[in-house]
Amino acid sequence: MMFIKVQKVSKKNDGELYLTEIRVNSKHISFISENKQMSYDLIEGKVFKGMNPMARFSDISVLTANGTQLITVVGEPEIIENRINNSKRLLRG
């Protein structure tokens, strides 16, 4: 198994967003797409005050036992894809 570490956007009961570090099995990722709305919200100061406004976000679809789960993470799709490819190269030597 190849896991990649990402910062997942999570939501508290009161609706406030926060980041949690998770590891995702790269073999269970079905697609990665840019989440432009989260990036716009960051630029407008609606979320994550103090975070670099140049940060970008991606949605990752992860296959689970019950179907799929869509999670939002920090980083543009190319960065997430590079992490997946780099973890594969490290394992091959």
N, C-alpha and C. Protein backbone atom coordinates (compact mmCIF):
# COMPACT_ATOMS: atom_id res chain seq x y z
N MET A 1 0.84 -1.18 0.00
CA MET A 1 0.00 0.00 0.00
C MET A 1 0.87 1.24 0.00
N MET A 2 0.41 2.26 -0.70
CA MET A 2 1.12 3.52 -0.74
C MET A 2 0.22 4.62 -0.20
N PHE A 3 0.64 5.21 0.89
CA PHE A 3 -0.14 6.27 1.50
C PHE A 3 0.51 7.61 1.22
N ILE A 4 -0.34 8.63 1.01
CA ILE A 4 0.16 9.99 0.89
C ILE A 4 -0.45 10.81 2.02
N LYS A 5 0.35 11.73 2.55
CA LYS A 5 -0.10 12.58 3.64
C LYS A 5 -0.69 13.86 3.05
N VAL A 6 -1.90 14.23 3.51
CA VAL A 6 -2.56 15.45 3.04
C VAL A 6 -3.20 16.16 4.23
N GLN A 7 -3.50 17.43 4.03
CA GLN A 7 -4.22 18.23 5.02
C GLN A 7 -5.67 18.30 4.58
N LYS A 8 -6.54 17.60 5.31
CA LYS A 8 -7.96 17.51 4.97
C LYS A 8 -8.73 18.66 5.61
N VAL A 9 -9.65 19.24 4.84
CA VAL A 9 -10.55 20.26 5.38
C VAL A 9 -11.69 19.54 6.08
N SER A 10 -11.83 19.80 7.38
CA SER A 10 -12.90 19.20 8.19
C SER A 10 -13.78 20.31 8.74
N LYS A 11 -14.96 19.93 9.20
CA LYS A 11 -15.92 20.92 9.69
C LYS A 11 -16.37 20.55 11.10
N LYS A 12 -16.32 21.54 12.00
CA LYS A 12 -16.82 21.35 13.36
C LYS A 12 -18.34 21.39 13.34
N ASN A 13 -18.96 21.02 14.46
CA ASN A 13 -20.42 21.03 14.57
C ASN A 13 -21.01 22.42 14.33
N ASP A 14 -20.26 23.47 14.69
CA ASP A 14 -20.77 24.83 14.50
C ASP A 14 -20.51 25.36 13.08
N GLY A 15 -19.94 24.52 12.21
CA GLY A 15 -19.70 24.92 10.83
C GLY A 15 -18.32 25.48 10.55
N GLU A 16 -17.53 25.73 11.62
CA GLU A 16 -16.18 26.26 11.43
C GLU A 16 -15.29 25.19 10.79
N LEU A 17 -14.47 25.64 9.83
CA LEU A 17 -13.56 24.72 9.15
C LEU A 17 -12.22 24.66 9.85
N TYR A 18 -11.59 23.51 9.81
CA TYR A 18 -10.25 23.34 10.36
C TYR A 18 -9.53 22.27 9.54
N LEU A 19 -8.22 22.18 9.68
CA LEU A 19 -7.41 21.22 8.93
C LEU A 19 -6.97 20.07 9.83
N THR A 20 -7.02 18.86 9.28
CA THR A 20 -6.50 17.69 9.98
C THR A 20 -5.58 16.94 9.02
N GLU A 21 -4.50 16.41 9.55
CA GLU A 21 -3.57 15.64 8.73
C GLU A 21 -4.07 14.21 8.63
N ILE A 22 -4.20 13.72 7.41
CA ILE A 22 -4.62 12.33 7.19
C ILE A 22 -3.69 11.69 6.17
N ARG A 23 -3.76 10.38 6.08
CA ARG A 23 -3.03 9.63 5.07
C ARG A 23 -4.04 8.87 4.23
N VAL A 24 -3.89 8.97 2.93
CA VAL A 24 -4.83 8.35 1.99
C VAL A 24 -4.10 7.28 1.20
N ASN A 25 -4.72 6.11 1.08
CA ASN A 25 -4.16 5.05 0.25
C ASN A 25 -4.30 5.49 -1.20
N SER A 26 -3.21 5.71 -1.88
CA SER A 26 -3.25 6.25 -3.24
C SER A 26 -3.94 5.30 -4.21
N LYS A 27 -3.99 4.01 -3.89
CA LYS A 27 -4.67 3.06 -4.77
C LYS A 27 -6.18 3.22 -4.72
N HIS A 28 -6.70 3.91 -3.71
CA HIS A 28 -8.14 4.09 -3.56
C HIS A 28 -8.65 5.41 -4.12
N ILE A 29 -7.77 6.21 -4.72
CA ILE A 29 -8.18 7.49 -5.29
C ILE A 29 -8.71 7.26 -6.70
N SER A 30 -9.98 7.71 -6.92
CA SER A 30 -10.55 7.54 -8.26
C SER A 30 -10.41 8.80 -9.10
N PHE A 31 -10.43 9.99 -8.48
CA PHE A 31 -10.14 11.21 -9.23
C PHE A 31 -9.74 12.33 -8.30
N ILE A 32 -9.08 13.33 -8.88
CA ILE A 32 -8.66 14.54 -8.17
C ILE A 32 -9.11 15.72 -9.03
N SER A 33 -9.78 16.69 -8.43
CA SER A 33 -10.19 17.88 -9.18
C SER A 33 -9.98 19.12 -8.32
N GLU A 34 -9.77 20.24 -8.97
CA GLU A 34 -9.56 21.49 -8.27
C GLU A 34 -10.87 21.94 -7.62
N ASN A 35 -10.78 22.44 -6.39
CA ASN A 35 -11.94 23.01 -5.69
C ASN A 35 -11.77 24.53 -5.73
N LYS A 36 -12.29 25.15 -6.77
CA LYS A 36 -12.12 26.59 -6.95
C LYS A 36 -12.90 27.38 -5.92
N GLN A 37 -14.05 26.88 -5.50
CA GLN A 37 -14.86 27.62 -4.53
C GLN A 37 -14.11 27.82 -3.21
N MET A 38 -13.42 26.79 -2.73
CA MET A 38 -12.67 26.91 -1.49
C MET A 38 -11.54 27.93 -1.65
N SER A 39 -10.90 27.94 -2.82
CA SER A 39 -9.83 28.91 -3.08
C SER A 39 -10.38 30.32 -3.09
N TYR A 40 -11.56 30.53 -3.71
CA TYR A 40 -12.19 31.86 -3.71
C TYR A 40 -12.55 32.29 -2.30
N ASP A 41 -13.09 31.36 -1.53
CA ASP A 41 -13.45 31.67 -0.14
C ASP A 41 -12.23 32.08 0.67
N LEU A 42 -11.10 31.45 0.42
CA LEU A 42 -9.86 31.81 1.11
C LEU A 42 -9.42 33.22 0.73
N ILE A 43 -9.44 33.52 -0.56
CA ILE A 43 -9.03 34.85 -1.03
C ILE A 43 -9.93 35.93 -0.43
N GLU A 44 -11.23 35.64 -0.32
CA GLU A 44 -12.18 36.60 0.23
C GLU A 44 -12.16 36.67 1.75
N GLY A 45 -11.34 35.81 2.39
CA GLY A 45 -11.21 35.83 3.84
C GLY A 45 -12.35 35.15 4.58
N LYS A 46 -13.11 34.32 3.88
CA LYS A 46 -14.24 33.62 4.50
C LYS A 46 -13.80 32.38 5.28
N VAL A 47 -12.64 31.82 4.94
CA VAL A 47 -12.14 30.61 5.60
C VAL A 47 -10.65 30.75 5.90
N PHE A 48 -10.20 30.06 6.91
CA PHE A 48 -8.78 29.94 7.25
C PHE A 48 -8.04 31.28 7.26
N LYS A 49 -8.53 32.19 8.08
CA LYS A 49 -7.86 33.50 8.20
C LYS A 49 -6.41 33.29 8.60
N GLY A 50 -5.51 33.97 7.93
CA GLY A 50 -4.09 33.84 8.21
C GLY A 50 -3.37 32.89 7.27
N MET A 51 -4.12 32.05 6.54
CA MET A 51 -3.50 31.16 5.57
C MET A 51 -3.12 31.97 4.33
N ASN A 52 -2.03 31.59 3.70
CA ASN A 52 -1.59 32.25 2.48
C ASN A 52 -2.73 32.23 1.45
N PRO A 53 -3.15 33.41 0.97
CA PRO A 53 -4.27 33.45 0.01
C PRO A 53 -3.95 32.80 -1.34
N MET A 54 -2.70 32.45 -1.57
CA MET A 54 -2.32 31.78 -2.81
C MET A 54 -2.53 30.26 -2.72
N ALA A 55 -2.87 29.76 -1.53
CA ALA A 55 -3.10 28.32 -1.36
C ALA A 55 -4.26 27.87 -2.24
N ARG A 56 -4.17 26.66 -2.73
CA ARG A 56 -5.22 26.08 -3.57
C ARG A 56 -5.73 24.80 -2.91
N PHE A 57 -6.89 24.35 -3.35
CA PHE A 57 -7.54 23.18 -2.75
C PHE A 57 -7.96 22.21 -3.84
N SER A 58 -8.03 20.94 -3.47
CA SER A 58 -8.47 19.89 -4.38
C SER A 58 -9.51 19.02 -3.70
N ASP A 59 -10.40 18.46 -4.51
CA ASP A 59 -11.32 17.43 -4.05
C ASP A 59 -10.77 16.09 -4.51
N ILE A 60 -10.73 15.13 -3.60
CA ILE A 60 -10.25 13.79 -3.91
C ILE A 60 -11.40 12.82 -3.67
N SER A 61 -11.70 12.00 -4.66
CA SER A 61 -12.70 10.96 -4.51
C SER A 61 -11.98 9.68 -4.11
N VAL A 62 -12.34 9.17 -2.94
CA VAL A 62 -11.69 7.98 -2.38
C VAL A 62 -12.70 6.84 -2.33
N LEU A 63 -12.30 5.70 -2.87
CA LEU A 63 -13.15 4.51 -2.83
C LEU A 63 -13.14 3.94 -1.42
N THR A 64 -14.34 3.65 -0.88
CA THR A 64 -14.47 3.07 0.45
C THR A 64 -15.31 1.80 0.35
N ALA A 65 -15.45 1.11 1.45
CA ALA A 65 -16.26 -0.12 1.47
C ALA A 65 -17.73 0.19 1.16
N ASN A 66 -18.16 1.42 1.46
CA ASN A 66 -19.56 1.81 1.25
C ASN A 66 -19.78 2.62 -0.03
N GLY A 67 -18.81 2.70 -0.89
CA GLY A 67 -18.94 3.50 -2.11
C GLY A 67 -17.76 4.43 -2.26
N THR A 68 -18.05 5.73 -2.36
CA THR A 68 -16.98 6.72 -2.47
C THR A 68 -17.21 7.83 -1.46
N GLN A 69 -16.11 8.47 -1.10
CA GLN A 69 -16.16 9.62 -0.20
C GLN A 69 -15.37 10.74 -0.86
N LEU A 70 -15.94 11.94 -0.89
CA LEU A 70 -15.27 13.09 -1.45
C LEU A 70 -14.68 13.91 -0.32
N ILE A 71 -13.37 14.12 -0.36
CA ILE A 71 -12.72 14.94 0.66
C ILE A 71 -12.02 16.11 0.00
N THR A 72 -11.96 17.22 0.71
CA THR A 72 -11.27 18.41 0.23
C THR A 72 -9.95 18.52 0.98
N VAL A 73 -8.88 18.77 0.24
CA VAL A 73 -7.54 18.85 0.83
C VAL A 73 -6.83 20.10 0.33
N VAL A 74 -5.80 20.50 1.06
CA VAL A 74 -4.98 21.63 0.67
C VAL A 74 -4.01 21.17 -0.41
N GLY A 75 -3.90 21.93 -1.49
CA GLY A 75 -2.97 21.62 -2.57
C GLY A 75 -3.70 21.47 -3.89
N GLU A 76 -3.09 21.95 -4.94
CA GLU A 76 -3.71 21.83 -6.25
C GLU A 76 -3.55 20.40 -6.77
N PRO A 77 -4.38 19.99 -7.72
CA PRO A 77 -4.34 18.60 -8.20
C PRO A 77 -2.95 18.12 -8.63
N GLU A 78 -2.17 18.99 -9.27
CA GLU A 78 -0.83 18.59 -9.72
C GLU A 78 0.07 18.21 -8.56
N ILE A 79 -0.06 18.93 -7.45
CA ILE A 79 0.76 18.63 -6.27
C ILE A 79 0.38 17.27 -5.69
N ILE A 80 -0.92 17.01 -5.59
CA ILE A 80 -1.39 15.73 -5.07
C ILE A 80 -0.91 14.60 -5.98
N GLU A 81 -1.05 14.80 -7.28
CA GLU A 81 -0.61 13.78 -8.25
C GLU A 81 0.89 13.53 -8.13
N ASN A 82 1.69 14.59 -7.96
CA ASN A 82 3.13 14.42 -7.80
C ASN A 82 3.47 13.62 -6.54
N ARG A 83 2.73 13.84 -5.46
CA ARG A 83 2.96 13.07 -4.23
C ARG A 83 2.70 11.59 -4.47
N ILE A 84 1.64 11.29 -5.22
CA ILE A 84 1.32 9.89 -5.53
C ILE A 84 2.45 9.28 -6.35
N ASN A 85 2.87 9.99 -7.39
CA ASN A 85 3.93 9.47 -8.26
C ASN A 85 5.25 9.33 -7.54
N ASN A 86 5.57 10.29 -6.66
CA ASN A 86 6.83 10.22 -5.91
C ASN A 86 6.82 9.05 -4.93
N SER A 87 5.67 8.76 -4.32
CA SER A 87 5.62 7.64 -3.36
C SER A 87 5.81 6.32 -4.11
N LYS A 88 5.32 6.23 -5.33
CA LYS A 88 5.51 5.00 -6.13
C LYS A 88 6.96 4.82 -6.49
N ARG A 89 7.63 5.91 -6.86
CA ARG A 89 9.05 5.83 -7.23
C ARG A 89 9.92 5.42 -6.06
N LEU A 90 9.60 5.96 -4.86
CA LEU A 90 10.40 5.63 -3.67
C LEU A 90 10.32 4.14 -3.35
N LEU A 91 9.15 3.56 -3.53
CA LEU A 91 9.00 2.15 -3.23
C LEU A 91 9.73 1.26 -4.23
N ARG A 92 9.84 1.71 -5.47
CA ARG A 92 10.52 0.92 -6.51
C ARG A 92 12.03 1.01 -6.40
N GLY A 93 12.51 2.02 -5.68
CA GLY A 93 13.95 2.13 -5.47
C GLY A 93 14.54 3.03 -6.46
